Amino acid sequence: MVIFDKALIGFSAISFLIYGSAYFFSKAMKLEFKRFGLEKFGRLTGCLEICGGLGLIVGIWSPLLLMLSSLGLSLLMLLGFGVRLKMRDNFRLSFPSFFYMLLNFYIFYYIGLDNL
C-alpha cells in the first residue's frame, strides 16, 4: 500500500471518528437528525461512523476489514446523500456526504480489492 493510499484512508478514518463522535457531544448534530426525522437513528449512525473509522485504521493491516469498513461507510454516506436530496438541501450541505461516499468507494474498490 502506497503512502497516498494510507493518507486517503487516514483522512477518511479521522473524519468519521470526529463526525461520529460529534453526535454524542454536539447539540447541533442531534438537531440535524431531528430535522431529518431520523432522531431514533442518530446514535446508531454515530456508532457506525466511529466503528467504520476504526475499521479503516485497522484495515491498513487487514485488507478484508478495510473493504468491509469502506464499503459500509460508502453505503452509509449514500443513504446520507439521499436524505439530503430528499430534504432538498443545497449543494454546500449535500456535498460532504457525496464526497465521502465516493472517497470510501474508491478506498473499497481501488485500495481494498487490490490488497486482498
C-alpha atoms as a PDB file:
ATOM      1  CA  MET A   1       0.000   0.000   0.000  1.00  0.00           C
ATOM      2  CA  VAL A   2       1.472   3.353  -1.037  1.00  0.00           C
ATOM      3  CA  ILE A   3       1.645   6.454   1.124  1.00  0.00           C
ATOM      4  CA  PHE A   4      -1.117   8.182  -0.872  1.00  0.00           C
ATOM      5  CA  ASP A   5      -3.489   5.284  -0.154  1.00  0.00           C
ATOM      6  CA  LYS A   6      -2.683   5.407   3.552  1.00  0.00           C
ATOM      7  CA  ALA A   7      -3.234   9.179   3.543  1.00  0.00           C
ATOM      8  CA  LEU A   8      -6.691   8.761   1.987  1.00  0.00           C
ATOM      9  CA  ILE A   9      -7.564   6.050   4.484  1.00  0.00           C
ATOM     10  CA  GLY A  10      -6.286   8.160   7.381  1.00  0.00           C
ATOM     11  CA  PHE A  11      -8.189  11.236   6.198  1.00  0.00           C
ATOM     12  CA  SER A  12     -11.437   9.305   5.927  1.00  0.00           C
ATOM     13  CA  ALA A  13     -10.901   7.490   9.233  1.00  0.00           C
ATOM     14  CA  ILE A  14     -10.189  10.668  11.189  1.00  0.00           C
ATOM     15  CA  SER A  15     -13.145  12.416   9.556  1.00  0.00           C
ATOM     16  CA  PHE A  16     -15.532   9.645  10.566  1.00  0.00           C
ATOM     17  CA  LEU A  17     -14.131   9.380  14.082  1.00  0.00           C
ATOM     18  CA  ILE A  18     -14.695  13.108  14.559  1.00  0.00           C
ATOM     19  CA  TYR A  19     -18.057  13.270  12.828  1.00  0.00           C
ATOM     20  CA  GLY A  20     -19.373  10.120  14.519  1.00  0.00           C
ATOM     21  CA  SER A  21     -18.272  11.360  17.942  1.00  0.00           C
ATOM     22  CA  ALA A  22     -19.863  14.737  17.278  1.00  0.00           C
ATOM     23  CA  TYR A  23     -23.331  13.219  17.542  1.00  0.00           C
ATOM     24  CA  PHE A  24     -22.697  12.408  21.201  1.00  0.00           C
ATOM     25  CA  PHE A  25     -21.261  15.833  22.059  1.00  0.00           C
ATOM     26  CA  SER A  26     -22.981  18.300  19.731  1.00  0.00           C
ATOM     27  CA  LYS A  27     -26.490  19.580  20.187  1.00  0.00           C
ATOM     28  CA  ALA A  28     -26.450  20.830  16.598  1.00  0.00           C
ATOM     29  CA  MET A  29     -25.851  17.311  15.310  1.00  0.00           C
ATOM     30  CA  LYS A  30     -28.825  15.998  17.256  1.00  0.00           C
ATOM     31  CA  LEU A  31     -30.946  18.816  15.831  1.00  0.00           C
ATOM     32  CA  GLU A  32     -29.905  17.808  12.305  1.00  0.00           C
ATOM     33  CA  PHE A  33     -31.163  14.271  12.849  1.00  0.00           C
ATOM     34  CA  LYS A  34     -34.371  15.687  14.292  1.00  0.00           C
ATOM     35  CA  ARG A  35     -34.770  17.915  11.210  1.00  0.00           C
ATOM     36  CA  PHE A  36     -34.411  14.827   9.026  1.00  0.00           C
ATOM     37  CA  GLY A  37     -36.985  12.967  11.122  1.00  0.00           C
ATOM     38  CA  LEU A  38     -34.313  10.394  11.944  1.00  0.00           C
ATOM     39  CA  GLU A  39     -33.569  11.153  15.591  1.00  0.00           C
ATOM     40  CA  LYS A  40     -34.024   7.486  16.538  1.00  0.00           C
ATOM     41  CA  PHE A  41     -31.126   6.594  14.193  1.00  0.00           C
ATOM     42  CA  GLY A  42     -28.683   9.220  15.469  1.00  0.00           C
ATOM     43  CA  ARG A  43     -26.880   7.034  17.995  1.00  0.00           C
ATOM     44  CA  LEU A  44     -26.693   4.122  15.583  1.00  0.00           C
ATOM     45  CA  THR A  45     -25.295   6.357  12.848  1.00  0.00           C
ATOM     46  CA  GLY A  46     -22.707   7.859  15.213  1.00  0.00           C
ATOM     47  CA  CYS A  47     -21.627   4.403  16.366  1.00  0.00           C
ATOM     48  CA  LEU A  48     -21.431   3.091  12.797  1.00  0.00           C
ATOM     49  CA  GLU A  49     -19.280   6.049  11.774  1.00  0.00           C
ATOM     50  CA  ILE A  50     -16.928   5.523  14.736  1.00  0.00           C
ATOM     51  CA  CYS A  51     -16.694   1.779  14.045  1.00  0.00           C
ATOM     52  CA  GLY A  52     -16.116   2.471  10.363  1.00  0.00           C
ATOM     53  CA  GLY A  53     -13.353   4.945  11.139  1.00  0.00           C
ATOM     54  CA  LEU A  54     -11.667   2.473  13.483  1.00  0.00           C
ATOM     55  CA  GLY A  55     -12.122  -0.258  10.891  1.00  0.00           C
ATOM     56  CA  LEU A  56     -10.360   1.857   8.281  1.00  0.00           C
ATOM     57  CA  ILE A  57      -7.391   2.365  10.584  1.00  0.00           C
ATOM     58  CA  VAL A  58      -7.077  -1.321  11.461  1.00  0.00           C
ATOM     59  CA  GLY A  59      -7.796  -2.087   7.807  1.00  0.00           C
ATOM     60  CA  ILE A  60      -4.388  -0.715   6.839  1.00  0.00           C
ATOM     61  CA  TRP A  61      -3.090  -4.073   8.116  1.00  0.00           C
ATOM     62  CA  SER A  62      -6.207  -6.135   7.379  1.00  0.00           C
ATOM     63  CA  PRO A  63      -7.457  -5.820   3.773  1.00  0.00           C
ATOM     64  CA  LEU A  64     -10.744  -7.598   4.486  1.00  0.00           C
ATOM     65  CA  LEU A  65     -11.568  -5.203   7.322  1.00  0.00           C
ATOM     66  CA  LEU A  66     -10.585  -2.265   5.097  1.00  0.00           C
ATOM     67  CA  MET A  67     -13.005  -3.471   2.439  1.00  0.00           C
ATOM     68  CA  LEU A  68     -15.879  -4.039   4.864  1.00  0.00           C
ATOM     69  CA  SER A  69     -15.381  -0.699   6.611  1.00  0.00           C
ATOM     70  CA  SER A  70     -15.005   1.357   3.445  1.00  0.00           C
ATOM     71  CA  LEU A  71     -17.983  -0.302   1.764  1.00  0.00           C
ATOM     72  CA  GLY A  72     -20.106   0.178   4.880  1.00  0.00           C
ATOM     73  CA  LEU A  73     -19.159   3.850   5.147  1.00  0.00           C
ATOM     74  CA  SER A  74     -19.785   4.333   1.443  1.00  0.00           C
ATOM     75  CA  LEU A  75     -23.288   2.882   1.796  1.00  0.00           C
ATOM     76  CA  LEU A  76     -23.920   4.964   4.916  1.00  0.00           C
ATOM     77  CA  MET A  77     -22.955   8.103   3.008  1.00  0.00           C
ATOM     78  CA  LEU A  78     -25.121   7.074   0.057  1.00  0.00           C
ATOM     79  CA  LEU A  79     -28.063   6.988   2.455  1.00  0.00           C
ATOM     80  CA  GLY A  80     -26.989  10.311   3.950  1.00  0.00           C
ATOM     81  CA  PHE A  81     -26.776  11.868   0.498  1.00  0.00           C
ATOM     82  CA  GLY A  82     -30.215  10.506  -0.323  1.00  0.00           C
ATOM     83  CA  VAL A  83     -31.638  12.094   2.825  1.00  0.00           C
ATOM     84  CA  ARG A  84     -30.026  15.412   1.892  1.00  0.00           C
ATOM     85  CA  LEU A  85     -31.601  15.227  -1.569  1.00  0.00           C
ATOM     86  CA  LYS A  86     -34.990  14.336  -0.102  1.00  0.00           C
ATOM     87  CA  MET A  87     -34.749  17.324   2.249  1.00  0.00           C
ATOM     88  CA  ARG A  88     -33.810  19.498  -0.745  1.00  0.00           C
ATOM     89  CA  ASP A  89     -30.652  20.696   0.985  1.00  0.00           C
ATOM     90  CA  ASN A  90     -28.388  22.893  -1.085  1.00  0.00           C
ATOM     91  CA  PHE A  91     -25.128  21.781  -2.704  1.00  0.00           C
ATOM     92  CA  ARG A  92     -22.972  23.030   0.179  1.00  0.00           C
ATOM     93  CA  LEU A  93     -24.861  20.870   2.675  1.00  0.00           C
ATOM     94  CA  SER A  94     -25.150  17.840   0.393  1.00  0.00           C
ATOM     95  CA  PHE A  95     -21.604  17.730  -0.963  1.00  0.00           C
ATOM     96  CA  PRO A  96     -19.805  16.227   2.084  1.00  0.00           C
ATOM     97  CA  SER A  97     -21.927  13.061   2.075  1.00  0.00           C
ATOM     98  CA  PHE A  98     -21.426  12.699  -1.680  1.00  0.00           C
ATOM     99  CA  PHE A  99     -17.668  13.272  -1.360  1.00  0.00           C
ATOM    100  CA  TYR A 100     -17.248  10.746   1.460  1.00  0.00           C
ATOM    101  CA  MET A 101     -19.392   8.226  -0.407  1.00  0.00           C
ATOM    102  CA  LEU A 102     -17.056   8.468  -3.414  1.00  0.00           C
ATOM    103  CA  LEU A 103     -13.915   8.514  -1.263  1.00  0.00           C
ATOM    104  CA  ASN A 104     -14.875   5.370   0.619  1.00  0.00           C
ATOM    105  CA  PHE A 105     -15.979   3.615  -2.536  1.00  0.00           C
ATOM    106  CA  TYR A 106     -12.560   4.461  -4.011  1.00  0.00           C
ATOM    107  CA  ILE A 107     -10.909   3.001  -0.905  1.00  0.00           C
ATOM    108  CA  PHE A 108     -13.066  -0.129  -1.208  1.00  0.00           C
ATOM    109  CA  TYR A 109     -12.614  -0.691  -4.920  1.00  0.00           C
ATOM    110  CA  TYR A 110      -9.134   0.576  -5.745  1.00  0.00           C
ATOM    111  CA  ILE A 111      -7.288   0.006  -2.474  1.00  0.00           C
ATOM    112  CA  GLY A 112      -9.180  -2.770  -0.692  1.00  0.00           C
ATOM    113  CA  LEU A 113      -9.687  -5.083  -3.646  1.00  0.00           C
ATOM    114  CA  ASP A 114      -6.098  -4.565  -4.835  1.00  0.00           C
ATOM    115  CA  ASN A 115      -4.705  -5.589  -1.460  1.00  0.00           C
ATOM    116  CA  LEU A 116      -6.926  -8.598  -0.890  1.00  0.00           C
END
